Each structure stands twice: as C-alpha cells, then as structure tokens.
Amino acid sequence: MSEIAEIIDTLENRIEKLFIKIKSLEDKNLFLQEELNKTAIALQHQSKAFEGVKSDYETLKVANSLLGSDDYKRDTKLKINALIREIDYCIAQLSD
C-alpha cells in the first residue's frame, strides 16, 4: 500500500513541476510576444523615417541639378517632363 502512495506522491510532484514549467513558459511566451510587437512597431517607424529621408534625398537631387550640377540633370529633365504631362492632363480634364 505504501508503494502505491509513493507512486501517487511522485506523480503529484511531477504534475506540480509540469504546471510550474507550463506557467513559466506561458510567461516567457507572453514576454516574447510583447517584444515582437515592440520590434514590429519600431520597424514601422524606421521604415517611415527611411521613406522620408529617401524623399528628401530625391528632392535634394532635383534642387542640386537645378542649381547647375551635371550629376542629376537627366533625372531632373525627366521629372520636369512628367510634371508638364500631368499639368497638360489636368488642363485637358478641366477643358472637357
């Protein structure tokens, strides 16, 4: 009879340890999910900042070429031609 009691005690101890381990893993999982969310938000902010810097860079390239730099003249001409086409399209839409 005492042998059965020992087996039951051993099982209870193991089950208790498993519950503790499960709780620990759930807490760790929750922490990791929060860290993942924070990292995703930080990545979104960095992506938006990168797009802003990229836009500023393109604007500076155009401004630099307008000031006389030969490096980006072709890009600037293409950009101006695209703007002229957009303006022509808008004028055509207004005249209809």
N, C-alpha and C. Protein backbone atom coordinates (compact mmCIF):
# COMPACT_ATOMS: atom_id res chain seq x y z
N MET A 1 0.83 -1.19 0.00
CA MET A 1 0.00 0.00 0.00
C MET A 1 0.86 1.25 0.00
N SER A 2 1.97 1.20 0.75
CA SER A 2 2.83 2.37 0.80
C SER A 2 3.50 2.61 -0.55
N GLU A 3 3.67 1.52 -1.31
CA GLU A 3 4.26 1.65 -2.63
C GLU A 3 3.35 2.46 -3.55
N ILE A 4 2.08 2.24 -3.48
CA ILE A 4 1.10 3.00 -4.27
C ILE A 4 1.10 4.46 -3.82
N ALA A 5 1.20 4.69 -2.53
CA ALA A 5 1.22 6.06 -2.01
C ALA A 5 2.46 6.79 -2.51
N GLU A 6 3.59 6.09 -2.58
CA GLU A 6 4.81 6.72 -3.09
C GLU A 6 4.67 7.08 -4.56
N ILE A 7 4.07 6.19 -5.31
CA ILE A 7 3.86 6.44 -6.75
C ILE A 7 2.94 7.64 -6.93
N ILE A 8 1.90 7.71 -6.13
CA ILE A 8 0.96 8.83 -6.20
C ILE A 8 1.67 10.13 -5.83
N ASP A 9 2.47 10.11 -4.78
CA ASP A 9 3.22 11.32 -4.38
C ASP A 9 4.18 11.75 -5.48
N THR A 10 4.87 10.77 -6.08
CA THR A 10 5.80 11.07 -7.17
C THR A 10 5.06 11.70 -8.35
N LEU A 11 3.91 11.13 -8.69
CA LEU A 11 3.10 11.67 -9.78
C LEU A 11 2.63 13.09 -9.46
N GLU A 12 2.19 13.30 -8.22
CA GLU A 12 1.74 14.64 -7.83
C GLU A 12 2.88 15.64 -7.94
N ASN A 13 4.07 15.26 -7.50
CA ASN A 13 5.23 16.15 -7.58
C ASN A 13 5.57 16.47 -9.04
N ARG A 14 5.55 15.45 -9.87
CA ARG A 14 5.85 15.66 -11.29
C ARG A 14 4.80 16.55 -11.95
N ILE A 15 3.56 16.32 -11.64
CA ILE A 15 2.48 17.14 -12.20
C ILE A 15 2.61 18.59 -11.74
N GLU A 16 2.95 18.78 -10.46
CA GLU A 16 3.14 20.13 -9.93
C GLU A 16 4.31 20.82 -10.65
N LYS A 17 5.40 20.08 -10.87
CA LYS A 17 6.54 20.65 -11.59
C LYS A 17 6.17 21.00 -13.03
N LEU A 18 5.35 20.15 -13.64
CA LEU A 18 4.90 20.43 -15.01
C LEU A 18 4.04 21.69 -15.07
N PHE A 19 3.15 21.85 -14.08
CA PHE A 19 2.33 23.05 -14.04
C PHE A 19 3.19 24.30 -13.87
N ILE A 20 4.20 24.20 -13.02
CA ILE A 20 5.11 25.33 -12.82
C ILE A 20 5.86 25.64 -14.12
N LYS A 21 6.30 24.60 -14.80
CA LYS A 21 7.02 24.80 -16.06
C LYS A 21 6.09 25.39 -17.12
N ILE A 22 4.87 24.93 -17.18
CA ILE A 22 3.89 25.47 -18.14
C ILE A 22 3.66 26.96 -17.87
N LYS A 23 3.49 27.32 -16.61
CA LYS A 23 3.28 28.72 -16.24
C LYS A 23 4.49 29.56 -16.65
N SER A 24 5.68 29.03 -16.39
CA SER A 24 6.91 29.73 -16.77
C SER A 24 6.99 29.93 -18.28
N LEU A 25 6.66 28.90 -19.04
CA LEU A 25 6.69 29.00 -20.49
C LEU A 25 5.62 29.96 -21.02
N GLU A 26 4.45 29.97 -20.40
CA GLU A 26 3.41 30.92 -20.80
C GLU A 26 3.86 32.35 -20.55
N ASP A 27 4.50 32.60 -19.40
CA ASP A 27 5.01 33.94 -19.09
C ASP A 27 6.08 34.35 -20.10
N LYS A 28 6.98 33.42 -20.41
CA LYS A 28 8.04 33.72 -21.37
C LYS A 28 7.45 33.98 -22.75
N ASN A 29 6.46 33.21 -23.14
CA ASN A 29 5.79 33.40 -24.42
C ASN A 29 5.14 34.78 -24.49
N LEU A 30 4.47 35.18 -23.43
CA LEU A 30 3.84 36.49 -23.38
C LEU A 30 4.88 37.60 -23.51
N PHE A 31 5.99 37.45 -22.80
CA PHE A 31 7.06 38.44 -22.87
C PHE A 31 7.62 38.53 -24.29
N LEU A 32 7.84 37.39 -24.93
CA LEU A 32 8.38 37.38 -26.28
C LEU A 32 7.40 37.98 -27.29
N GLN A 33 6.10 37.76 -27.09
CA GLN A 33 5.11 38.36 -27.96
C GLN A 33 5.12 39.88 -27.82
N GLU A 34 5.25 40.37 -26.60
CA GLU A 34 5.32 41.81 -26.38
C GLU A 34 6.57 42.40 -27.03
N GLU A 35 7.69 41.70 -26.90
CA GLU A 35 8.93 42.15 -27.53
C GLU A 35 8.79 42.16 -29.06
N LEU A 36 8.13 41.16 -29.60
CA LEU A 36 7.91 41.10 -31.04
C LEU A 36 7.06 42.28 -31.50
N ASN A 37 6.02 42.60 -30.75
CA ASN A 37 5.16 43.74 -31.09
C ASN A 37 5.95 45.04 -31.04
N LYS A 38 6.77 45.21 -30.00
CA LYS A 38 7.58 46.42 -29.89
C LYS A 38 8.54 46.54 -31.06
N THR A 39 9.15 45.42 -31.43
CA THR A 39 10.10 45.42 -32.54
C THR A 39 9.40 45.72 -33.86
N ALA A 40 8.21 45.19 -34.04
CA ALA A 40 7.45 45.46 -35.27
C ALA A 40 7.10 46.94 -35.37
N ILE A 41 6.70 47.54 -34.25
CA ILE A 41 6.37 48.96 -34.24
C ILE A 41 7.61 49.79 -34.53
N ALA A 42 8.73 49.42 -33.93
CA ALA A 42 9.99 50.14 -34.19
C ALA A 42 10.38 50.03 -35.66
N LEU A 43 10.18 48.86 -36.24
CA LEU A 43 10.49 48.66 -37.65
C LEU A 43 9.61 49.53 -38.53
N GLN A 44 8.34 49.66 -38.19
CA GLN A 44 7.44 50.52 -38.95
C GLN A 44 7.90 51.97 -38.87
N HIS A 45 8.29 52.42 -37.68
CA HIS A 45 8.76 53.80 -37.52
C HIS A 45 10.02 54.03 -38.34
N GLN A 46 10.93 53.07 -38.31
CA GLN A 46 12.17 53.21 -39.08
C GLN A 46 11.89 53.20 -40.57
N SER A 47 10.94 52.40 -40.99
CA SER A 47 10.58 52.35 -42.41
C SER A 47 10.01 53.68 -42.87
N LYS A 48 9.14 54.28 -42.04
CA LYS A 48 8.57 55.59 -42.36
C LYS A 48 9.66 56.65 -42.40
N ALA A 49 10.57 56.59 -41.44
CA ALA A 49 11.67 57.55 -41.41
C ALA A 49 12.55 57.38 -42.64
N PHE A 50 12.80 56.15 -43.05
CA PHE A 50 13.60 55.89 -44.24
C PHE A 50 12.93 56.46 -45.47
N GLU A 51 11.62 56.27 -45.59
CA GLU A 51 10.90 56.81 -46.74
C GLU A 51 10.98 58.34 -46.76
N GLY A 52 10.89 58.96 -45.59
CA GLY A 52 11.01 60.42 -45.51
C GLY A 52 12.39 60.89 -45.94
N VAL A 53 13.41 60.19 -45.49
CA VAL A 53 14.78 60.56 -45.87
C VAL A 53 14.98 60.33 -47.36
N LYS A 54 14.43 59.25 -47.86
CA LYS A 54 14.55 58.96 -49.29
C LYS A 54 13.88 60.05 -50.12
N SER A 55 12.72 60.50 -49.69
CA SER A 55 12.02 61.59 -50.37
C SER A 55 12.83 62.87 -50.31
N ASP A 56 13.39 63.16 -49.14
CA ASP A 56 14.24 64.35 -49.01
C ASP A 56 15.44 64.27 -49.93
N TYR A 57 16.03 63.09 -50.04
CA TYR A 57 17.18 62.89 -50.91
C TYR A 57 16.82 63.17 -52.36
N GLU A 58 15.67 62.64 -52.80
CA GLU A 58 15.23 62.89 -54.18
C GLU A 58 14.99 64.38 -54.42
N THR A 59 14.40 65.06 -53.44
CA THR A 59 14.17 66.49 -53.57
C THR A 59 15.49 67.24 -53.66
N LEU A 60 16.45 66.84 -52.85
CA LEU A 60 17.76 67.49 -52.89
C LEU A 60 18.48 67.22 -54.21
N LYS A 61 18.30 66.02 -54.77
CA LYS A 61 18.90 65.75 -56.07
C LYS A 61 18.35 66.69 -57.13
N VAL A 62 17.03 66.88 -57.13
CA VAL A 62 16.41 67.77 -58.11
C VAL A 62 16.87 69.20 -57.89
N ALA A 63 16.88 69.64 -56.65
CA ALA A 63 17.32 71.00 -56.35
C ALA A 63 18.78 71.21 -56.74
N ASN A 64 19.61 70.22 -56.49
CA ASN A 64 21.02 70.30 -56.84
C ASN A 64 21.21 70.41 -58.34
N SER A 65 20.44 69.65 -59.09
CA SER A 65 20.57 69.71 -60.54
C SER A 65 20.05 71.03 -61.08
N LEU A 66 19.03 71.59 -60.45
CA LEU A 66 18.52 72.89 -60.88
C LEU A 66 19.53 73.99 -60.60
N LEU A 67 20.37 73.78 -59.61
CA LEU A 67 21.37 74.78 -59.27
C LEU A 67 22.60 74.69 -60.19
N GLY A 68 22.62 73.72 -61.07
CA GLY A 68 23.70 73.67 -62.03
C GLY A 68 24.56 72.44 -61.97
N SER A 69 24.27 71.51 -61.13
CA SER A 69 25.06 70.28 -61.07
C SER A 69 24.72 69.40 -62.26
N ASP A 70 25.73 68.83 -62.86
CA ASP A 70 25.52 67.96 -64.02
C ASP A 70 25.18 66.52 -63.64
N ASP A 71 25.33 66.18 -62.38
CA ASP A 71 25.16 64.79 -61.95
C ASP A 71 23.75 64.25 -62.17
N TYR A 72 22.73 65.06 -61.91
CA TYR A 72 21.36 64.56 -61.95
C TYR A 72 20.50 65.32 -62.96
N LYS A 73 21.12 65.88 -63.99
CA LYS A 73 20.38 66.67 -64.96
C LYS A 73 19.33 65.84 -65.69
N ARG A 74 19.69 64.64 -66.10
CA ARG A 74 18.75 63.79 -66.84
C ARG A 74 17.54 63.47 -65.98
N ASP A 75 17.77 63.11 -64.72
CA ASP A 75 16.65 62.81 -63.81
C ASP A 75 15.74 64.02 -63.65
N THR A 76 16.35 65.19 -63.55
CA THR A 76 15.56 66.41 -63.36
C THR A 76 14.72 66.70 -64.60
N LYS A 77 15.32 66.53 -65.77
CA LYS A 77 14.57 66.76 -67.00
C LYS A 77 13.39 65.81 -67.10
N LEU A 78 13.62 64.54 -66.76
CA LEU A 78 12.53 63.56 -66.79
C LEU A 78 11.42 63.93 -65.80
N LYS A 79 11.83 64.39 -64.63
CA LYS A 79 10.85 64.78 -63.61
C LYS A 79 10.03 65.98 -64.08
N ILE A 80 10.71 66.98 -64.67
CA ILE A 80 10.01 68.17 -65.18
C ILE A 80 9.06 67.78 -66.30
N ASN A 81 9.50 66.89 -67.21
CA ASN A 81 8.63 66.44 -68.29
C ASN A 81 7.40 65.71 -67.75
N ALA A 82 7.59 64.91 -66.72
CA ALA A 82 6.46 64.20 -66.12
C ALA A 82 5.49 65.20 -65.49
N LEU A 83 6.01 66.23 -64.84
CA LEU A 83 5.14 67.25 -64.24
C LEU A 83 4.38 68.01 -65.32
N ILE A 84 5.05 68.32 -66.43
CA ILE A 84 4.38 69.02 -67.54
C ILE A 84 3.26 68.16 -68.11
N ARG A 85 3.51 66.85 -68.26
CA ARG A 85 2.46 65.96 -68.76
C ARG A 85 1.27 65.93 -67.80
N GLU A 86 1.54 65.92 -66.51
CA GLU A 86 0.45 65.93 -65.52
C GLU A 86 -0.35 67.22 -65.61
N ILE A 87 0.34 68.34 -65.76
CA ILE A 87 -0.34 69.63 -65.88
C ILE A 87 -1.19 69.66 -67.15
N ASP A 88 -0.62 69.18 -68.27
CA ASP A 88 -1.39 69.12 -69.53
C ASP A 88 -2.62 68.25 -69.37
N TYR A 89 -2.50 67.13 -68.68
CA TYR A 89 -3.63 66.24 -68.45
C TYR A 89 -4.70 66.95 -67.62
N CYS A 90 -4.27 67.66 -66.60
CA CYS A 90 -5.23 68.38 -65.74
C CYS A 90 -5.95 69.47 -66.53
N ILE A 91 -5.21 70.18 -67.36
CA ILE A 91 -5.83 71.23 -68.19
C ILE A 91 -6.83 70.61 -69.14
N ALA A 92 -6.49 69.46 -69.74
CA ALA A 92 -7.41 68.79 -70.64
C ALA A 92 -8.67 68.34 -69.90
N GLN A 93 -8.52 67.88 -68.68
CA GLN A 93 -9.67 67.46 -67.88
C GLN A 93 -10.57 68.65 -67.55
N LEU A 94 -9.96 69.79 -67.27
CA LEU A 94 -10.74 70.98 -66.91
C LEU A 94 -11.47 71.55 -68.14
N SER A 95 -10.86 71.40 -69.30
CA SER A 95 -11.50 71.97 -70.50
C SER A 95 -12.65 71.12 -71.00
N ASP A 96 -12.73 69.86 -70.55
CA ASP A 96 -13.82 68.99 -71.00
C ASP A 96 -15.08 69.32 -70.34
